[in-house]
Amino acid sequence: MIESYLLEYLVAYNDNGTLSKAADELHISQPSMTRAMQKLEDILDVPLFNRGKNRLELNEYGKLAADYARRILASEESMLQGVRGFYKANNSFRIGSCAPGPSMRLQPIATSMFLDKTISSEQNDEDNLIRGLLNQDYDLVILSHVPDNKTIICKKMFTESLNVALTAMHPAASKSSVSFKEMDGQNFIMYAQVGVWEKIVRENMPHASFFKQEDLYALGTLAQNSDLPSFSTDITLAEIPSRKNGRINIPFKDKTATVTFYAAILKEKQGRYHSLLERL
């Protein structure tokens, strides 16, 4: 039985051309690399190198062994990914969403229905979500449109509406609603992971500037200590009540400020997730 690390070392030597370079890539000492190659030759009982004065190179047997080693390592990786992926698919429910609000609503429902599964959720752009659904990287994805694909079925979930979150001192704070045109040209604090909402606000307020924050807690802290407008939605306000602290949330009245979201699954899994779709 050949240990995997010996195959890895052989491939590294083949790719790098010298023992020293291969050892550096593998973060081991050159003597350890030399001993490993000698051990592999002993196991195979075949010389793998042409040895000359201050020169060592793979011979035809070594090159063939390196080719086999590469394929064996690739097969091992394929096995790991395949088995782990199959386990994950059968013991988890993977949600992908194009915006944070819808997944906030869906995740608790999925958790209550799939008690024996681990529920995971991540955000991605819609092209990647559809690709991931087709590749079965996701069990369900949330989109802002119905894709033109006969292998995917969609169900309307709900709508989400965008607000601008203002301090009481902002000139628009007393209004019952605002338009994108009225707010265009101003500076905004914006969470970096807002998904489809970022495209909407950028397209409708082309003269505005957006200071993006990667961390949601940092965003909240900044909003509490800044006069700059920020954003909220009817869903995020319901799910995270603290977003109301110190801010007046005023809805945008533009039609594009309301998005309809759809839950999409593969048609072949319709029976498996029928109950979940009925809950939406």
Protein backbone atom coordinates (compact mmCIF):
# COMPACT_ATOMS: atom_id res chain seq x y z
CA MET A 1 0.00 0.00 0.00
CA ILE A 2 1.44 3.36 -1.04
CA GLU A 3 0.74 6.19 1.37
CA SER A 4 -0.90 9.22 -0.23
CA TYR A 5 1.76 11.64 0.93
CA LEU A 6 4.36 9.79 -1.16
CA LEU A 7 2.23 10.30 -4.25
CA GLU A 8 1.80 13.98 -3.39
CA TYR A 9 5.57 14.38 -3.04
CA LEU A 10 6.20 12.67 -6.37
CA VAL A 11 3.72 14.93 -8.17
CA ALA A 12 5.28 17.97 -6.51
CA TYR A 13 8.73 16.92 -7.69
CA ASN A 14 7.45 16.31 -11.21
CA ASP A 15 5.83 19.77 -11.29
CA ASN A 16 8.79 21.63 -9.81
CA GLY A 17 11.74 19.80 -11.33
CA THR A 18 14.00 19.85 -8.27
CA LEU A 19 13.92 18.44 -4.78
CA SER A 20 14.47 21.83 -3.20
CA LYS A 21 11.62 23.54 -5.04
CA ALA A 22 9.26 20.63 -4.34
CA ALA A 23 10.24 20.68 -0.65
CA ASP A 24 9.57 24.42 -0.48
CA GLU A 25 6.11 23.97 -2.00
CA LEU A 26 5.29 21.18 0.46
CA HIS A 27 6.82 23.08 3.43
CA ILE A 28 9.12 20.18 4.32
CA SER A 29 12.91 19.82 4.46
CA GLN A 30 14.88 18.62 1.45
CA PRO A 31 16.20 15.55 3.34
CA SER A 32 12.57 14.57 4.11
CA MET A 33 11.78 14.90 0.42
CA THR A 34 14.80 12.75 -0.50
CA ARG A 35 13.85 10.03 1.98
CA ALA A 36 10.28 9.99 0.67
CA MET A 37 11.43 9.47 -2.92
CA GLN A 38 13.77 6.69 -1.83
CA LYS A 39 10.95 5.03 0.10
CA LEU A 40 8.67 5.21 -2.96
CA GLU A 41 11.35 3.58 -5.09
CA ASP A 42 11.72 0.81 -2.49
CA ILE A 43 7.96 0.17 -2.44
CA LEU A 44 7.71 0.07 -6.23
CA ASP A 45 11.02 -1.77 -6.54
CA VAL A 46 11.70 0.36 -9.62
CA PRO A 47 14.25 3.19 -10.10
CA LEU A 48 12.35 6.44 -10.68
CA PHE A 49 15.28 8.83 -11.18
CA ASN A 50 18.31 9.32 -13.35
CA ARG A 51 21.04 10.26 -10.91
CA GLY A 52 24.04 12.25 -12.08
CA LYS A 53 26.61 14.49 -10.50
CA ASN A 54 24.63 17.27 -8.81
CA ARG A 55 21.67 16.31 -10.97
CA LEU A 56 18.50 14.34 -10.33
CA GLU A 57 15.65 13.92 -12.79
CA LEU A 58 12.73 11.59 -13.31
CA ASN A 59 13.35 8.77 -15.75
CA GLU A 60 10.64 7.27 -17.95
CA TYR A 61 9.44 5.06 -15.06
CA GLY A 62 9.33 8.04 -12.73
CA LYS A 63 7.32 10.08 -15.22
CA LEU A 64 4.85 7.22 -15.63
CA ALA A 65 4.61 6.86 -11.82
CA ALA A 66 3.99 10.61 -11.49
CA ASP A 67 1.18 10.39 -14.04
CA TYR A 68 -0.43 7.52 -12.12
CA ALA A 69 0.05 9.39 -8.85
CA ARG A 70 -1.71 12.47 -10.20
CA ARG A 71 -4.69 10.40 -11.34
CA ILE A 72 -4.88 8.50 -8.04
CA LEU A 73 -4.83 11.75 -6.04
CA ALA A 74 -7.53 13.21 -8.30
CA SER A 75 -9.65 10.09 -7.73
CA GLU A 76 -9.19 10.41 -3.96
CA GLU A 77 -10.30 14.04 -4.09
CA SER A 78 -13.27 13.09 -6.25
CA MET A 79 -14.21 10.41 -3.74
CA LEU A 80 -13.99 12.85 -0.82
CA GLN A 81 -16.09 15.45 -2.58
CA GLY A 82 -18.62 12.89 -3.81
CA VAL A 83 -19.16 11.17 -0.47
CA ARG A 84 -19.20 14.41 1.51
CA GLY A 85 -21.52 16.01 -1.01
CA PHE A 86 -23.92 13.06 -0.87
CA TYR A 87 -23.90 13.14 2.94
CA LYS A 88 -24.46 16.90 2.95
CA ALA A 89 -27.29 16.64 0.43
CA ASN A 90 -29.09 14.05 2.56
CA ASN A 91 -28.52 15.73 5.90
CA SER A 92 -28.90 19.40 5.11
CA PHE A 93 -31.23 21.84 3.41
CA ARG A 94 -29.27 24.45 1.47
CA ILE A 95 -30.85 27.80 0.69
CA GLY A 96 -29.44 30.38 -1.69
CA SER A 97 -30.93 33.86 -1.83
CA CYS A 98 -30.50 36.98 -3.94
CA ALA A 99 -31.30 39.23 -0.94
CA PRO A 100 -31.03 38.92 2.86
CA GLY A 101 -34.67 39.58 3.80
CA PRO A 102 -36.29 36.57 2.09
CA SER A 103 -33.84 34.10 3.60
CA MET A 104 -34.60 35.60 7.04
CA ARG A 105 -38.23 34.64 6.47
CA LEU A 106 -37.56 31.23 4.92
CA GLN A 107 -34.90 29.85 7.24
CA PRO A 108 -37.10 29.55 10.37
CA ILE A 109 -39.81 27.82 8.32
CA ALA A 110 -37.31 25.32 6.92
CA THR A 111 -35.86 24.75 10.40
CA SER A 112 -39.29 23.91 11.81
CA MET A 113 -40.08 21.51 8.96
CA PHE A 114 -36.74 19.70 8.60
CA LEU A 115 -35.84 18.88 12.18
CA ASP A 116 -33.37 16.18 11.11
CA LYS A 117 -31.45 18.45 8.75
CA THR A 118 -28.89 21.21 9.10
CA ILE A 119 -30.27 24.38 7.51
CA SER A 120 -27.75 26.59 5.76
CA SER A 121 -28.27 29.83 3.89
CA GLU A 122 -26.01 31.97 1.74
CA GLN A 123 -26.37 34.91 -0.58
CA ASN A 124 -25.31 34.98 -4.21
CA ASP A 125 -26.17 36.68 -7.47
CA GLU A 126 -29.05 35.22 -9.43
CA ASP A 127 -27.03 33.67 -12.25
CA ASN A 128 -24.91 31.77 -9.72
CA LEU A 129 -28.02 30.78 -7.77
CA ILE A 130 -29.65 29.25 -10.83
CA ARG A 131 -26.40 27.51 -11.79
CA GLY A 132 -26.04 26.22 -8.24
CA LEU A 133 -29.61 24.93 -8.20
CA LEU A 134 -29.08 23.06 -11.46
CA ASN A 135 -25.83 21.61 -10.10
CA GLN A 136 -27.67 20.68 -6.86
CA ASP A 137 -25.42 22.86 -4.73
CA TYR A 138 -28.67 24.36 -3.39
CA ASP A 139 -31.97 22.68 -2.57
CA LEU A 140 -33.93 25.92 -2.96
CA VAL A 141 -33.03 29.35 -4.23
CA ILE A 142 -34.83 32.67 -3.85
CA LEU A 143 -34.96 34.81 -6.98
CA SER A 144 -36.45 38.13 -8.01
CA HIS A 145 -37.68 36.68 -11.31
CA VAL A 146 -38.94 33.40 -12.75
CA PRO A 147 -36.13 31.78 -14.78
CA ASP A 148 -36.82 30.49 -18.27
CA ASN A 149 -35.93 26.89 -17.54
CA LYS A 150 -38.35 23.98 -17.77
CA THR A 151 -36.47 21.94 -15.16
CA ILE A 152 -37.13 24.59 -12.50
CA ILE A 153 -40.46 25.35 -10.85
CA CYS A 154 -41.16 28.56 -8.95
CA LYS A 155 -43.65 29.72 -6.39
CA LYS A 156 -44.30 33.32 -5.47
CA MET A 157 -43.25 33.96 -1.88
CA PHE A 158 -43.96 37.60 -1.01
CA THR A 159 -42.92 41.14 -1.82
CA GLU A 160 -40.35 43.23 -0.01
CA SER A 161 -40.32 47.03 -0.01
CA LEU A 162 -37.37 49.34 0.44
CA ASN A 163 -37.19 52.20 2.94
CA VAL A 164 -34.73 54.97 3.52
CA ALA A 165 -33.67 55.18 7.18
CA LEU A 166 -33.14 58.77 8.29
CA THR A 167 -32.26 60.66 11.43
CA ALA A 168 -34.88 63.07 12.77
CA MET A 169 -32.78 66.01 11.56
CA HIS A 170 -32.83 64.97 7.91
CA PRO A 171 -34.94 67.32 5.68
CA ALA A 172 -37.04 64.38 4.44
CA ALA A 173 -37.70 62.92 7.91
CA SER A 174 -41.22 64.36 8.11
CA LYS A 175 -42.39 62.88 4.79
CA SER A 176 -44.66 59.87 4.54
CA SER A 177 -42.79 58.59 1.47
CA VAL A 178 -39.92 59.61 -0.78
CA SER A 179 -38.83 58.91 -4.34
CA PHE A 180 -35.45 57.80 -5.61
CA LYS A 181 -35.25 61.07 -7.53
CA GLU A 182 -35.65 63.08 -4.33
CA MET A 183 -32.87 61.17 -2.59
CA ASP A 184 -30.48 60.98 -5.56
CA GLY A 185 -27.15 62.71 -5.10
CA GLN A 186 -26.89 62.04 -1.35
CA ASN A 187 -24.39 59.89 0.55
CA PHE A 188 -25.69 56.60 1.98
CA ILE A 189 -24.44 53.96 4.37
CA MET A 190 -25.18 50.54 2.85
CA TYR A 191 -24.68 46.95 3.97
CA ALA A 192 -22.40 45.20 1.47
CA GLN A 193 -24.59 42.07 1.26
CA VAL A 194 -27.92 43.53 0.13
CA GLY A 195 -28.05 41.49 -3.07
CA VAL A 196 -30.50 42.71 -5.72
CA TRP A 197 -31.19 45.88 -3.74
CA GLU A 198 -27.75 47.26 -4.53
CA LYS A 199 -28.40 47.17 -8.27
CA ILE A 200 -31.80 48.82 -7.76
CA VAL A 201 -30.53 51.75 -5.70
CA ARG A 202 -27.52 52.31 -7.94
CA GLU A 203 -29.63 52.33 -11.10
CA ASN A 204 -32.27 54.62 -9.63
CA MET A 205 -29.90 56.98 -7.84
CA PRO A 206 -26.95 57.27 -10.25
CA HIS A 207 -25.59 60.41 -8.61
CA ALA A 208 -25.60 59.05 -5.06
CA SER A 209 -22.57 57.68 -3.21
CA PHE A 210 -22.70 54.47 -1.19
CA PHE A 211 -20.35 53.69 1.70
CA LYS A 212 -20.54 49.91 2.02
CA GLN A 213 -20.05 48.06 5.30
CA GLU A 214 -19.20 44.34 5.32
CA ASP A 215 -20.15 43.79 8.95
CA LEU A 216 -23.82 44.15 9.91
CA TYR A 217 -23.00 45.08 13.51
CA ALA A 218 -20.57 47.75 12.30
CA LEU A 219 -23.27 49.06 10.01
CA GLY A 220 -25.69 49.43 12.91
CA THR A 221 -23.09 51.15 15.06
CA LEU A 222 -22.21 53.54 12.24
CA ALA A 223 -25.88 54.30 11.58
CA GLN A 224 -26.41 55.18 15.26
CA ASN A 225 -23.50 57.58 15.23
CA SER A 226 -23.91 59.13 11.81
CA ASP A 227 -26.36 61.50 10.12
CA LEU A 228 -25.99 59.71 6.76
CA PRO A 229 -29.11 57.98 5.40
CA SER A 230 -29.14 54.19 5.28
CA PHE A 231 -31.61 51.57 4.05
CA SER A 232 -34.07 49.11 5.51
CA THR A 233 -36.94 47.00 4.21
CA ASP A 234 -40.27 46.01 5.68
CA ILE A 235 -38.88 42.50 6.23
CA THR A 236 -35.61 43.51 7.90
CA LEU A 237 -37.48 45.87 10.23
CA ALA A 238 -39.81 43.05 11.23
CA GLU A 239 -36.99 40.53 11.70
CA ILE A 240 -34.48 42.92 13.31
CA PRO A 241 -36.47 45.47 15.37
CA SER A 242 -33.28 47.15 16.54
CA ARG A 243 -32.92 48.60 13.03
CA LYS A 244 -35.60 51.10 14.09
CA ASN A 245 -33.47 52.53 16.88
CA GLY A 246 -32.67 56.18 16.28
CA ARG A 247 -33.94 56.09 12.70
CA ILE A 248 -37.13 57.09 10.92
CA ASN A 249 -37.89 54.54 8.19
CA ILE A 250 -39.68 56.08 5.23
CA PRO A 251 -40.80 53.95 2.26
CA PHE A 252 -39.73 54.66 -1.30
CA LYS A 253 -42.86 55.16 -3.41
CA ASP A 254 -41.28 54.10 -6.72
CA LYS A 255 -42.54 50.84 -8.22
CA THR A 256 -38.99 49.56 -8.50
CA ALA A 257 -38.65 49.85 -4.71
CA THR A 258 -40.87 46.81 -4.25
CA VAL A 259 -39.55 43.40 -5.34
CA THR A 260 -41.47 40.16 -5.66
CA PHE A 261 -39.48 37.10 -4.65
CA TYR A 262 -39.90 33.53 -5.87
CA ALA A 263 -38.83 30.23 -4.35
CA ALA A 264 -37.28 28.01 -7.03
CA ILE A 265 -36.57 24.29 -6.83
CA LEU A 266 -35.80 21.56 -9.35
CA LYS A 267 -38.95 20.03 -10.77
CA GLU A 268 -37.64 16.56 -9.90
CA LYS A 269 -37.70 17.53 -6.19
CA GLN A 270 -41.21 18.96 -6.24
CA GLY A 271 -42.67 16.02 -4.32
CA ARG A 272 -39.96 16.14 -1.67
CA TYR A 273 -40.50 19.82 -0.92
CA HIS A 274 -44.21 20.13 -1.66
CA SER A 275 -45.10 20.80 1.99
CA LEU A 276 -42.52 23.56 2.25
CA LEU A 277 -43.76 25.27 -0.89
CA GLU A 278 -47.30 25.15 0.48
CA ARG A 279 -46.12 27.03 3.58
CA LEU A 280 -44.70 29.90 1.55
